[in-house]
C-alpha atoms as a PDB file:
ATOM      1  CA  GLY A   1     -54.158  79.350 -69.313  1.00  0.00           C
ATOM      2  CA  LYS A   2     -53.366  79.387 -65.792  1.00  0.00           C
ATOM      3  CA  CYS A   3     -49.929  81.303 -65.745  1.00  0.00           C
ATOM      4  CA  ASP A   4     -52.027  84.707 -67.372  1.00  0.00           C
ATOM      5  CA  ASN A   5     -54.339  84.176 -64.395  1.00  0.00           C
ATOM      6  CA  GLU A   6     -51.924  83.922 -62.187  1.00  0.00           C
ATOM      7  CA  LEU A   7     -50.537  86.643 -63.301  1.00  0.00           C
ATOM      8  CA  LEU A   8     -53.292  89.086 -62.387  1.00  0.00           C
ATOM      9  CA  TYR A   9     -54.298  87.262 -59.307  1.00  0.00           C
ATOM     10  CA  SER A  10     -53.493  90.283 -56.608  1.00  0.00           C
ATOM     11  CA  GLY A  11     -54.932  87.903 -53.616  1.00  0.00           C
ATOM     12  CA  GLU A  12     -57.085  88.417 -50.751  1.00  0.00           C
ATOM     13  CA  ILE A  13     -58.088  91.271 -48.370  1.00  0.00           C
ATOM     14  CA  TRP A  14     -58.513  88.911 -45.343  1.00  0.00           C
ATOM     15  CA  PHE A  15     -60.011  90.915 -42.806  1.00  0.00           C
ATOM     16  CA  GLY A  16     -62.504  92.713 -44.951  1.00  0.00           C
ATOM     17  CA  GLU A  17     -62.281  96.132 -46.980  1.00  0.00           C
ATOM     18  CA  ARG A  18     -64.489  97.962 -44.107  1.00  0.00           C
ATOM     19  CA  THR A  19     -62.083  96.832 -41.708  1.00  0.00           C
ATOM     20  CA  GLU A  20     -59.055  97.436 -43.293  1.00  0.00           C
ATOM     21  CA  GLN A  21     -60.212 101.441 -44.418  1.00  0.00           C
ATOM     22  CA  LYS A  22     -61.491 101.885 -40.480  1.00  0.00           C
ATOM     23  CA  ILE A  23     -57.301 100.902 -40.030  1.00  0.00           C
ATOM     24  CA  VAL A  24     -56.429 103.908 -42.874  1.00  0.00           C
ATOM     25  CA  ASP A  25     -58.911 106.478 -41.216  1.00  0.00           C
ATOM     26  CA  TRP A  26     -57.489 106.270 -37.716  1.00  0.00           C
ATOM     27  CA  LEU A  27     -53.805 106.346 -38.796  1.00  0.00           C
ATOM     28  CA  VAL A  28     -55.119 109.753 -41.470  1.00  0.00           C
ATOM     29  CA  ASP A  29     -56.635 110.607 -37.881  1.00  0.00           C
ATOM     30  CA  ASN A  30     -53.589 109.722 -35.499  1.00  0.00           C
ATOM     31  CA  VAL A  31     -50.392 109.507 -37.240  1.00  0.00           C
ATOM     32  CA  ASP A  32     -48.471 111.867 -38.800  1.00  0.00           C
ATOM     33  CA  SER A  33     -47.829 110.627 -42.280  1.00  0.00           C
ATOM     34  CA  ASP A  34     -44.576 111.021 -42.109  1.00  0.00           C
ATOM     35  CA  CYS A  35     -44.168 108.290 -39.326  1.00  0.00           C
ATOM     36  CA  SER A  36     -42.556 105.258 -40.309  1.00  0.00           C
ATOM     37  CA  LEU A  37     -45.544 102.899 -39.696  1.00  0.00           C
ATOM     38  CA  ALA A  38     -45.130  98.838 -40.601  1.00  0.00           C
ATOM     39  CA  ASP A  39     -47.258  96.026 -41.469  1.00  0.00           C
ATOM     40  CA  VAL A  40     -46.327  92.606 -39.978  1.00  0.00           C
ATOM     41  CA  GLY A  41     -47.708  90.199 -41.841  1.00  0.00           C
ATOM     42  CA  THR A  42     -48.288  92.536 -45.070  1.00  0.00           C
ATOM     43  CA  GLY A  43     -49.565  89.346 -47.699  1.00  0.00           C
ATOM     44  CA  ASN A  44     -50.066  91.624 -50.495  1.00  0.00           C
ATOM     45  CA  GLY A  45     -49.378  95.244 -49.018  1.00  0.00           C
ATOM     46  CA  HIS A  46     -53.004  96.101 -49.761  1.00  0.00           C
ATOM     47  CA  LEU A  47     -53.376  98.145 -46.004  1.00  0.00           C
ATOM     48  CA  LEU A  48     -49.756  99.969 -47.336  1.00  0.00           C
ATOM     49  CA  SER A  49     -51.477 100.745 -50.643  1.00  0.00           C
ATOM     50  CA  LEU A  50     -54.156 103.091 -49.166  1.00  0.00           C
ATOM     51  CA  LEU A  51     -51.570 104.344 -47.207  1.00  0.00           C
ATOM     52  CA  ALA A  52     -48.902 104.992 -49.358  1.00  0.00           C
ATOM     53  CA  GLU A  53     -52.387 107.256 -51.249  1.00  0.00           C
ATOM     54  CA  GLU A  54     -52.979 109.018 -47.917  1.00  0.00           C
ATOM     55  CA  GLY A  55     -49.798 109.959 -47.993  1.00  0.00           C
ATOM     56  CA  PHE A  56     -47.642 108.248 -45.643  1.00  0.00           C
ATOM     57  CA  SER A  57     -44.158 108.532 -47.455  1.00  0.00           C
ATOM     58  CA  ASN A  58     -42.105 105.598 -44.457  1.00  0.00           C
ATOM     59  CA  LEU A  59     -43.725 101.892 -45.112  1.00  0.00           C
ATOM     60  CA  THR A  60     -42.249  98.554 -44.646  1.00  0.00           C
ATOM     61  CA  GLY A  61     -44.551  95.468 -45.296  1.00  0.00           C
ATOM     62  CA  ILE A  62     -42.950  92.393 -43.756  1.00  0.00           C
ATOM     63  CA  ASP A  63     -43.819  88.792 -44.509  1.00  0.00           C
ATOM     64  CA  TYR A  64     -42.381  85.734 -43.581  1.00  0.00           C
ATOM     65  CA  SER A  65     -43.869  84.230 -47.331  1.00  0.00           C
ATOM     66  CA  ALA A  66     -40.773  85.005 -50.125  1.00  0.00           C
ATOM     67  CA  SER A  67     -43.917  84.766 -52.585  1.00  0.00           C
ATOM     68  CA  SER A  68     -46.260  87.200 -50.924  1.00  0.00           C
ATOM     69  CA  ILE A  69     -43.429  89.651 -50.277  1.00  0.00           C
ATOM     70  CA  LYS A  70     -42.843  89.128 -54.407  1.00  0.00           C
ATOM     71  CA  LEU A  71     -46.523  90.088 -55.700  1.00  0.00           C
ATOM     72  CA  ALA A  72     -46.695  93.002 -52.911  1.00  0.00           C
ATOM     73  CA  ALA A  73     -43.962  94.701 -54.248  1.00  0.00           C
ATOM     74  CA  GLU A  74     -45.021  93.750 -57.883  1.00  0.00           C
ATOM     75  CA  ILE A  75     -48.352  95.133 -57.267  1.00  0.00           C
ATOM     76  CA  ASN A  76     -46.669  98.370 -55.130  1.00  0.00           C
ATOM     77  CA  SER A  77     -44.286  99.123 -58.119  1.00  0.00           C
ATOM     78  CA  ASP A  78     -45.966 102.419 -58.378  1.00  0.00           C
ATOM     79  CA  HIS A  79     -45.537 103.282 -54.738  1.00  0.00           C
ATOM     80  CA  PRO A  80     -41.062 104.360 -54.032  1.00  0.00           C
ATOM     81  CA  HIS A  81     -42.400 105.048 -50.598  1.00  0.00           C
ATOM     82  CA  ILE A  82     -43.194 101.409 -50.055  1.00  0.00           C
ATOM     83  CA  LYS A  83     -40.032  98.906 -48.736  1.00  0.00           C
ATOM     84  CA  PHE A  84     -41.128  95.058 -48.445  1.00  0.00           C
ATOM     85  CA  ILE A  85     -39.382  92.367 -45.979  1.00  0.00           C
ATOM     86  CA  CYS A  86     -39.419  88.589 -46.827  1.00  0.00           C
ATOM     87  CA  LEU A  87     -39.214  87.920 -42.621  1.00  0.00           C
ATOM     88  CA  ASP A  88     -40.157  85.789 -40.289  1.00  0.00           C
ATOM     89  CA  VAL A  89     -40.239  87.761 -37.272  1.00  0.00           C
ATOM     90  CA  ILE A  90     -41.753  84.966 -34.675  1.00  0.00           C
ATOM     91  CA  ASN A  91     -38.519  83.201 -35.229  1.00  0.00           C
ATOM     92  CA  SER A  92     -36.114  86.310 -36.015  1.00  0.00           C
ATOM     93  CA  THR A  93     -33.892  88.639 -34.413  1.00  0.00           C
ATOM     94  CA  THR A  94     -36.282  91.570 -35.428  1.00  0.00           C
ATOM     95  CA  SER A  95     -34.161  94.086 -33.575  1.00  0.00           C
ATOM     96  CA  HIS A  96     -32.640  95.972 -36.496  1.00  0.00           C
ATOM     97  CA  LEU A  97     -35.910  97.001 -37.727  1.00  0.00           C
ATOM     98  CA  ARG A  98     -37.235 100.368 -36.074  1.00  0.00           C
ATOM     99  CA  HIS A  99     -40.649 101.589 -36.547  1.00  0.00           C
ATOM    100  CA  ASP A 100     -42.907 104.317 -34.948  1.00  0.00           C
ATOM    101  CA  VAL A 101     -45.938 102.740 -35.885  1.00  0.00           C
END
């Protein structure tokens, strides 16, 4: 049924896999894997998943959409080093968020 398909849907990569891979490659080459990284507008958290697979261990995904955060957490449940936060960074105080990248 429709509900079953929705459970399997993992979202989209908006900017294309090639662009996403260029970001990952640059971070791998230029940033220590223990630095804290925030992905603002994380969506399904795919970028963070790729970074976790490259050995990054301090990752945070931020999105204003509660359903995106829920989906990202479910998809990335096998990556315990990824934390997801539902937050509207435009209309909220973000001074408590500190990340290297």
